PDB file of N, CA and C in Angstrom:
ATOM      1  N   MET A   1      53.716-111.732  15.309  1.00  0.00           N
ATOM      2  CA  MET A   1      53.621-112.380  13.877  1.00  0.00           C
ATOM      3  C   MET A   1      52.032-111.062  14.199  1.00  0.00           C
ATOM      4  N   SER A   2      51.233-111.047  13.519  1.00  0.00           N
ATOM      5  CA  SER A   2      50.573-110.801  13.547  1.00  0.00           C
ATOM      6  C   SER A   2      48.728-111.401  13.125  1.00  0.00           C
ATOM      7  N   ALA A   3      47.532-110.560  13.289  1.00  0.00           N
ATOM      8  CA  ALA A   3      46.771-111.257  13.900  1.00  0.00           C
ATOM      9  C   ALA A   3      45.425-112.162  12.489  1.00  0.00           C
ATOM     10  N   LEU A   4      45.980-111.890  11.407  1.00  0.00           N
ATOM     11  CA  LEU A   4      46.752-112.748  10.264  1.00  0.00           C
ATOM     12  C   LEU A   4      46.925-113.935  10.269  1.00  0.00           C
ATOM     13  N   GLU A   5      47.855-113.940  10.344  1.00  0.00           N
ATOM     14  CA  GLU A   5      49.010-115.034  10.328  1.00  0.00           C
ATOM     15  C   GLU A   5      47.831-115.821  11.867  1.00  0.00           C
ATOM     16  N   ASP A   6      47.306-115.268  12.735  1.00  0.00           N
ATOM     17  CA  ASP A   6      47.164-115.996  13.666  1.00  0.00           C
ATOM     18  C   ASP A   6      45.731-116.843  13.205  1.00  0.00           C
ATOM     19  N   SER A   7      45.115-116.075  12.252  1.00  0.00           N
ATOM     20  CA  SER A   7      43.810-116.472  12.023  1.00  0.00           C
ATOM     21  C   SER A   7      43.888-117.726  10.601  1.00  0.00           C
ATOM     22  N   LEU A   8      44.997-117.732  10.043  1.00  0.00           N
ATOM     23  CA  LEU A   8      45.929-118.294   9.094  1.00  0.00           C
ATOM     24  C   LEU A   8      45.968-120.189   9.834  1.00  0.00           C
ATOM     25  N   ALA A   9      46.707-119.356  11.052  1.00  0.00           N
ATOM     26  CA  ALA A   9      46.769-120.998  12.137  1.00  0.00           C
ATOM     27  C   ALA A   9      45.306-121.622  12.307  1.00  0.00           C
ATOM     28  N   ALA A  10      44.367-120.713  13.040  1.00  0.00           N
ATOM     29  CA  ALA A  10      43.652-121.313  13.488  1.00  0.00           C
ATOM     30  C   ALA A  10      42.872-122.502  12.111  1.00  0.00           C
ATOM     31  N   HIS A  11      42.384-121.958  11.399  1.00  0.00           N
ATOM     32  CA  HIS A  11      42.004-122.870   9.969  1.00  0.00           C
ATOM     33  C   HIS A  11      43.278-123.952   9.403  1.00  0.00           C
ATOM     34  N   ILE A  12      44.636-122.837   9.931  1.00  0.00           N
ATOM     35  CA  ILE A  12      45.096-124.788   8.862  1.00  0.00           C
ATOM     36  C   ILE A  12      45.419-125.577  10.107  1.00  0.00           C
ATOM     37  N   ARG A  13      44.435-125.807  11.614  1.00  0.00           N
ATOM     38  CA  ARG A  13      44.446-126.040  12.386  1.00  0.00           C
ATOM     39  C   ARG A  13      42.467-126.684  12.500  1.00  0.00           C
ATOM     40  N   TYR A  14      42.158-126.205  11.574  1.00  0.00           N
ATOM     41  CA  TYR A  14      40.813-126.262  12.314  1.00  0.00           C
ATOM     42  C   TYR A  14      40.365-127.696  10.716  1.00  0.00           C
ATOM     43  N   VAL A  15      40.701-127.035   9.317  1.00  0.00           N
ATOM     44  CA  VAL A  15      41.156-128.814   8.097  1.00  0.00           C
ATOM     45  C   VAL A  15      42.179-129.965   8.450  1.00  0.00           C
ATOM     46  N   GLY A  16      42.437-129.988   9.767  1.00  0.00           N
ATOM     47  CA  GLY A  16      42.968-130.684  10.005  1.00  0.00           C
ATOM     48  C   GLY A  16      45.189-131.650   9.098  1.00  0.00           C
ATOM     49  N   LEU A  17      45.187-130.312   8.832  1.00  0.00           N
ATOM     50  CA  LEU A  17      46.486-130.576   7.915  1.00  0.00           C
ATOM     51  C   LEU A  17      46.789-129.784   9.156  1.00  0.00           C
ATOM     52  N   PRO A  18      48.967-130.806   8.952  1.00  0.00           N
ATOM     53  CA  PRO A  18      49.292-130.571   9.861  1.00  0.00           C
ATOM     54  C   PRO A  18      50.592-129.944   9.765  1.00  0.00           C
ATOM     55  N   GLU A  19      50.318-129.087  11.527  1.00  0.00           N
ATOM     56  CA  GLU A  19      50.962-128.566  12.295  1.00  0.00           C
ATOM     57  C   GLU A  19      52.480-127.763  11.683  1.00  0.00           C
ATOM     58  N   PRO A  20      52.675-126.668  10.979  1.00  0.00           N
ATOM     59  CA  PRO A  20      53.657-125.845  11.160  1.00  0.00           C
ATOM     60  C   PRO A  20      54.386-125.389  11.477  1.00  0.00           C
ATOM     61  N   GLN A  21      55.638-125.683  11.257  1.00  0.00           N
ATOM     62  CA  GLN A  21      56.341-124.519  12.026  1.00  0.00           C
ATOM     63  C   GLN A  21      56.144-123.105  11.893  1.00  0.00           C
ATOM     64  N   ARG A  22      56.035-122.317  12.886  1.00  0.00           N
ATOM     65  CA  ARG A  22      56.241-120.833  12.481  1.00  0.00           C
ATOM     66  C   ARG A  22      57.072-119.616  12.783  1.00  0.00           C
ATOM     67  N   GLN A  23      57.467-119.125  11.697  1.00  0.00           N
ATOM     68  CA  GLN A  23      58.532-118.107  12.143  1.00  0.00           C
ATOM     69  C   GLN A  23      60.178-118.750  12.213  1.00  0.00           C
ATOM     70  N   TYR A  24      59.871-119.723  11.118  1.00  0.00           N
ATOM     71  CA  TYR A  24      61.363-120.681  10.776  1.00  0.00           C
ATOM     72  C   TYR A  24      62.578-120.214  10.296  1.00  0.00           C
ATOM     73  N   ARG A  25      63.636-119.753  10.399  1.00  0.00           N
ATOM     74  CA  ARG A  25      64.687-119.062  10.567  1.00  0.00           C
ATOM     75  C   ARG A  25      64.355-120.536   9.255  1.00  0.00           C
ATOM     76  N   PHE A  26      65.120-120.259   7.507  1.00  0.00           N
ATOM     77  CA  PHE A  26      65.429-120.928   6.811  1.00  0.00           C
ATOM     78  C   PHE A  26      67.279-120.312   6.151  1.00  0.00           C
ATOM     79  N   SER A  27      67.490-119.574   6.275  1.00  0.00           N
ATOM     80  CA  SER A  27      69.103-118.744   6.253  1.00  0.00           C
ATOM     81  C   SER A  27      69.009-118.584   7.233  1.00  0.00           C
ATOM     82  N   LEU A  28      70.638-119.290   7.496  1.00  0.00           N
ATOM     83  CA  LEU A  28      71.878-119.070   8.399  1.00  0.00           C
ATOM     84  C   LEU A  28      72.897-118.115   8.305  1.00  0.00           C
ATOM     85  N   SER A  29      72.464-117.091   7.333  1.00  0.00           N
ATOM     86  CA  SER A  29      73.385-116.290   7.110  1.00  0.00           C
ATOM     87  C   SER A  29      72.097-114.542   6.425  1.00  0.00           C
ATOM     88  N   ARG A  30      70.788-114.480   6.754  1.00  0.00           N
ATOM     89  CA  ARG A  30      70.316-113.749   6.887  1.00  0.00           C
ATOM     90  C   ARG A  30      69.787-114.135   8.359  1.00  0.00           C
ATOM     91  N   ARG A  31      68.430-112.813   8.241  1.00  0.00           N
ATOM     92  CA  ARG A  31      67.242-112.983   9.519  1.00  0.00           C
ATOM     93  C   ARG A  31      66.029-113.255   8.528  1.00  0.00           C
ATOM     94  N   TRP A  32      66.831-114.139   7.534  1.00  0.00           N
ATOM     95  CA  TRP A  32      64.726-114.329   7.230  1.00  0.00           C
ATOM     96  C   TRP A  32      64.436-115.569   7.494  1.00  0.00           C
ATOM     97  N   ARG A  33      62.784-115.706   7.905  1.00  0.00           N
ATOM     98  CA  ARG A  33      62.212-116.820   8.301  1.00  0.00           C
ATOM     99  C   ARG A  33      60.895-116.229   8.195  1.00  0.00           C
ATOM    100  N   PHE A  34      60.519-117.745   7.508  1.00  0.00           N
ATOM    101  CA  PHE A  34      59.135-118.110   6.918  1.00  0.00           C
ATOM    102  C   PHE A  34      58.211-117.499   8.066  1.00  0.00           C
ATOM    103  N   ASP A  35      56.653-117.896   7.695  1.00  0.00           N
ATOM    104  CA  ASP A  35      55.422-117.449   8.486  1.00  0.00           C
ATOM    105  C   ASP A  35      55.256-118.851   8.777  1.00  0.00           C
ATOM    106  N   PHE A  36      55.158-119.066   7.913  1.00  0.00           N
ATOM    107  CA  PHE A  36      54.754-120.513   9.078  1.00  0.00           C
ATOM    108  C   PHE A  36      55.959-122.014   7.435  1.00  0.00           C
ATOM    109  N   CYS A  37      55.754-122.819   7.925  1.00  0.00           N
ATOM    110  CA  CYS A  37      57.386-123.307   6.839  1.00  0.00           C
ATOM    111  C   CYS A  37      56.750-125.804   7.436  1.00  0.00           C
ATOM    112  N   TRP A  38      56.156-125.780   6.599  1.00  0.00           N
ATOM    113  CA  TRP A  38      56.817-127.018   6.550  1.00  0.00           C
ATOM    114  C   TRP A  38      57.727-127.872   6.297  1.00  0.00           C
ATOM    115  N   VAL A  39      58.726-128.013   6.592  1.00  0.00           N
ATOM    116  CA  VAL A  39      60.338-128.427   6.331  1.00  0.00           C
ATOM    117  C   VAL A  39      60.476-128.972   6.235  1.00  0.00           C
ATOM    118  N   ASP A  40      59.688-130.034   6.176  1.00  0.00           N
ATOM    119  CA  ASP A  40      60.303-132.412   5.818  1.00  0.00           C
ATOM    120  C   ASP A  40      59.550-131.763   3.667  1.00  0.00           C
ATOM    121  N   SER A  41      58.691-131.311   4.048  1.00  0.00           N
ATOM    122  CA  SER A  41      57.604-130.850   2.306  1.00  0.00           C
ATOM    123  C   SER A  41      58.692-129.641   2.009  1.00  0.00           C
ATOM    124  N   MET A  42      59.694-129.002   2.412  1.00  0.00           N
ATOM    125  CA  MET A  42      59.764-127.840   2.030  1.00  0.00           C
ATOM    126  C   MET A  42      58.894-127.098   1.231  1.00  0.00           C
ATOM    127  N   LEU A  43      57.623-126.921   2.107  1.00  0.00           N
ATOM    128  CA  LEU A  43      56.565-125.849   1.857  1.00  0.00           C
ATOM    129  C   LEU A  43      56.054-124.703   2.713  1.00  0.00           C
ATOM    130  N   ALA A  44      56.238-123.483   2.262  1.00  0.00           N
ATOM    131  CA  ALA A  44      56.460-122.654   3.155  1.00  0.00           C
ATOM    132  C   ALA A  44      55.776-121.563   3.247  1.00  0.00           C
ATOM    133  N   VAL A  45      54.536-120.714   3.753  1.00  0.00           N
ATOM    134  CA  VAL A  45      53.745-119.756   3.905  1.00  0.00           C
ATOM    135  C   VAL A  45      53.928-118.438   4.357  1.00  0.00           C
ATOM    136  N   GLU A  46      53.432-117.590   3.455  1.00  0.00           N
ATOM    137  CA  GLU A  46      54.133-115.875   3.544  1.00  0.00           C
ATOM    138  C   GLU A  46      52.418-115.262   3.829  1.00  0.00           C
ATOM    139  N   VAL A  47      52.687-114.232   4.880  1.00  0.00           N
ATOM    140  CA  VAL A  47      51.501-113.389   5.854  1.00  0.00           C
ATOM    141  C   VAL A  47      51.430-112.220   4.706  1.00  0.00           C
ATOM    142  N   ASP A  48      51.467-112.089   3.906  1.00  0.00           N
ATOM    143  CA  ASP A  48      51.847-110.592   3.064  1.00  0.00           C
ATOM    144  C   ASP A  48      50.414-109.667   3.624  1.00  0.00           C
ATOM    145  N   GLY A  49      49.620-109.965   3.838  1.00  0.00           N
ATOM    146  CA  GLY A  49      48.394-108.449   4.426  1.00  0.00           C
ATOM    147  C   GLY A  49      47.800-108.311   3.518  1.00  0.00           C
ATOM    148  N   GLY A  50      47.096-107.198   3.089  1.00  0.00           N
ATOM    149  CA  GLY A  50      46.260-106.641   2.236  1.00  0.00           C
ATOM    150  C   GLY A  50      47.258-105.933   0.763  1.00  0.00           C
ATOM    151  N   THR A  51      47.298-105.925   0.358  1.00  0.00           N
ATOM    152  CA  THR A  51      47.846-105.128  -1.671  1.00  0.00           C
ATOM    153  C   THR A  51      47.374-103.983  -0.824  1.00  0.00           C
ATOM    154  N   TRP A  52      46.525-103.587  -1.419  1.00  0.00           N
ATOM    155  CA  TRP A  52      46.279-102.044  -0.953  1.00  0.00           C
ATOM    156  C   TRP A  52      46.645-101.162   0.414  1.00  0.00           C
ATOM    157  N   THR A  53      46.887-101.683   1.211  1.00  0.00           N
ATOM    158  CA  THR A  53      47.175-101.127   2.724  1.00  0.00           C
ATOM    159  C   THR A  53      47.853-100.218   3.346  1.00  0.00           C
ATOM    160  N   GLY A  54      49.070-100.303   1.952  1.00  0.00           N
ATOM    161  CA  GLY A  54      50.089 -99.802   2.001  1.00  0.00           C
ATOM    162  C   GLY A  54      51.047-100.035   2.934  1.00  0.00           C
ATOM    163  N   GLY A  55      50.956-101.681   3.033  1.00  0.00           N
ATOM    164  CA  GLY A  55      51.903-101.657   4.209  1.00  0.00           C
ATOM    165  C   GLY A  55      53.220-102.125   3.455  1.00  0.00           C
ATOM    166  N   ARG A  56      54.402-102.435   4.739  1.00  0.00           N
ATOM    167  CA  ARG A  56      56.203-103.209   3.726  1.00  0.00           C
ATOM    168  C   ARG A  56      55.962-103.829   2.775  1.00  0.00           C
ATOM    169  N   HIS A  57      55.336-104.672   2.620  1.00  0.00           N
ATOM    170  CA  HIS A  57      55.232-105.903   1.346  1.00  0.00           C
ATOM    171  C   HIS A  57      54.619-104.737   0.614  1.00  0.00           C
ATOM    172  N   THR A  58      54.317-103.648  -0.239  1.00  0.00           N
ATOM    173  CA  THR A  58      54.105-102.953  -1.164  1.00  0.00           C
ATOM    174  C   THR A  58      54.276-102.302  -1.287  1.00  0.00           C
ATOM    175  N   ARG A  59      55.474-101.037  -0.477  1.00  0.00           N
ATOM    176  CA  ARG A  59      56.105-100.102  -1.170  1.00  0.00           C
ATOM    177  C   ARG A  59      57.355-100.375  -1.768  1.00  0.00           C
ATOM    178  N   GLY A  60      58.462-100.356  -2.396  1.00  0.00           N
ATOM    179  CA  GLY A  60      59.468-100.401  -3.272  1.00  0.00           C
ATOM    180  C   GLY A  60      60.051-101.194  -2.288  1.00  0.00           C
ATOM    181  N   ALA A  61      61.185-100.582  -1.223  1.00  0.00           N
ATOM    182  CA  ALA A  61      62.709-101.353  -0.284  1.00  0.00           C
ATOM    183  C   ALA A  61      61.164-102.585   0.213  1.00  0.00           C
ATOM    184  N   GLY A  62      60.737-102.428   0.238  1.00  0.00           N
ATOM    185  CA  GLY A  62      59.960-103.574   1.182  1.00  0.00           C
ATOM    186  C   GLY A  62      59.765-104.700  -0.104  1.00  0.00           C
ATOM    187  N   PHE A  63      58.709-103.693  -0.675  1.00  0.00           N
ATOM    188  CA  PHE A  63      58.346-105.678  -2.225  1.00  0.00           C
ATOM    189  C   PHE A  63      59.813-105.830  -2.288  1.00  0.00           C
ATOM    190  N   GLU A  64      60.834-105.105  -2.706  1.00  0.00           N
ATOM    191  CA  GLU A  64      62.558-105.475  -3.245  1.00  0.00           C
ATOM    192  C   GLU A  64      62.895-106.915  -2.002  1.00  0.00           C
ATOM    193  N   ALA A  65      62.890-106.806  -1.403  1.00  0.00           N
ATOM    194  CA  ALA A  65      63.603-107.108   0.408  1.00  0.00           C
ATOM    195  C   ALA A  65      63.076-108.690   0.155  1.00  0.00           C
ATOM    196  N   ASP A  66      61.283-108.667  -0.113  1.00  0.00           N
ATOM    197  CA  ASP A  66      60.161-109.511  -0.331  1.00  0.00           C
ATOM    198  C   ASP A  66      60.799-110.171  -1.661  1.00  0.00           C
ATOM    199  N   CYS A  67      61.185-110.227  -2.625  1.00  0.00           N
ATOM    200  CA  CYS A  67      61.705-110.783  -3.348  1.00  0.00           C
ATOM    201  C   CYS A  67      63.184-111.696  -3.620  1.00  0.00           C
ATOM    202  N   GLU A  68      63.846-110.928  -2.841  1.00  0.00           N
ATOM    203  CA  GLU A  68      64.563-111.217  -2.483  1.00  0.00           C
ATOM    204  C   GLU A  68      64.912-112.589  -1.855  1.00  0.00           C
ATOM    205  N   LYS A  69      63.784-112.181  -1.081  1.00  0.00           N
ATOM    206  CA  LYS A  69      63.932-113.172   0.289  1.00  0.00           C
ATOM    207  C   LYS A  69      63.428-114.507  -0.483  1.00  0.00           C
ATOM    208  N   LEU A  70      62.463-114.196  -1.683  1.00  0.00           N
ATOM    209  CA  LEU A  70      61.682-115.143  -1.687  1.00  0.00           C
ATOM    210  C   LEU A  70      62.059-116.152  -2.540  1.00  0.00           C
ATOM    211  N   ASN A  71      64.010-115.748  -3.624  1.00  0.00           N
ATOM    212  CA  ASN A  71      64.163-115.741  -4.577  1.00  0.00           C
ATOM    213  C   ASN A  71      65.123-117.053  -4.371  1.00  0.00           C
ATOM    214  N   ALA A  72      65.696-116.201  -3.424  1.00  0.00           N
ATOM    215  CA  ALA A  72      66.991-116.953  -2.408  1.00  0.00           C
ATOM    216  C   ALA A  72      66.359-118.602  -1.374  1.00  0.00           C
ATOM    217  N   ALA A  73      64.940-118.177  -0.322  1.00  0.00           N
ATOM    218  CA  ALA A  73      63.925-119.939  -0.978  1.00  0.00           C
ATOM    219  C   ALA A  73      64.123-120.741  -2.480  1.00  0.00           C
ATOM    220  N   VAL A  74      63.698-120.064  -2.969  1.00  0.00           N
ATOM    221  CA  VAL A  74      62.780-120.715  -4.682  1.00  0.00           C
ATOM    222  C   VAL A  74      64.452-121.458  -4.687  1.00  0.00           C
ATOM    223  N   ILE A  75      65.783-120.620  -3.982  1.00  0.00           N
ATOM    224  CA  ILE A  75      66.787-121.658  -4.648  1.00  0.00           C
ATOM    225  C   ILE A  75      67.683-122.679  -4.045  1.00  0.00           C
ATOM    226  N   ALA A  76      66.635-122.179  -2.464  1.00  0.00           N
ATOM    227  CA  ALA A  76      67.585-123.293  -1.772  1.00  0.00           C
ATOM    228  C   ALA A  76      66.839-124.417  -1.891  1.00  0.00           C
ATOM    229  N   GLY A  77      65.526-124.391  -3.083  1.00  0.00           N
ATOM    230  CA  GLY A  77      64.807-126.136  -2.365  1.00  0.00           C
ATOM    231  C   GLY A  77      63.727-126.033  -1.670  1.00  0.00           C
ATOM    232  N   PHE A  78      62.971-124.454  -1.664  1.00  0.00           N
ATOM    233  CA  PHE A  78      61.652-124.158  -1.622  1.00  0.00           C
ATOM    234  C   PHE A  78      60.636-123.638  -2.194  1.00  0.00           C
ATOM    235  N   ARG A  79      59.226-123.846  -1.277  1.00  0.00           N
ATOM    236  CA  ARG A  79      58.544-123.791  -2.716  1.00  0.00           C
ATOM    237  C   ARG A  79      57.421-122.837  -1.754  1.00  0.00           C
ATOM    238  N   VAL A  80      57.000-121.605  -1.866  1.00  0.00           N
ATOM    239  CA  VAL A  80      57.006-120.931  -1.061  1.00  0.00           C
ATOM    240  C   VAL A  80      55.360-119.771  -1.995  1.00  0.00           C
ATOM    241  N   LEU A  81      54.226-120.290  -0.480  1.00  0.00           N
ATOM    242  CA  LEU A  81      53.085-119.434  -1.316  1.00  0.00           C
ATOM    243  C   LEU A  81      53.032-118.469  -0.161  1.00  0.00           C
TER     244      LEU A  81
END
């Protein structure tokens, strides 16, 4: 888990939102996990980091893999932020 995820978790607690499950595995056939998930509400939050940092989520293969994961999540009925 990243420092950014820990910061978001602290903000979620501070404002009194229900506690999400962290690193929730939503696919049995893949190793896909959500950073945060409110399973009963079918709501997930992914923390991708900065757009201009050159990290995995902004490079071609990483972005493509994220699109595949998020599309599968939506097809399964999740809303992903």
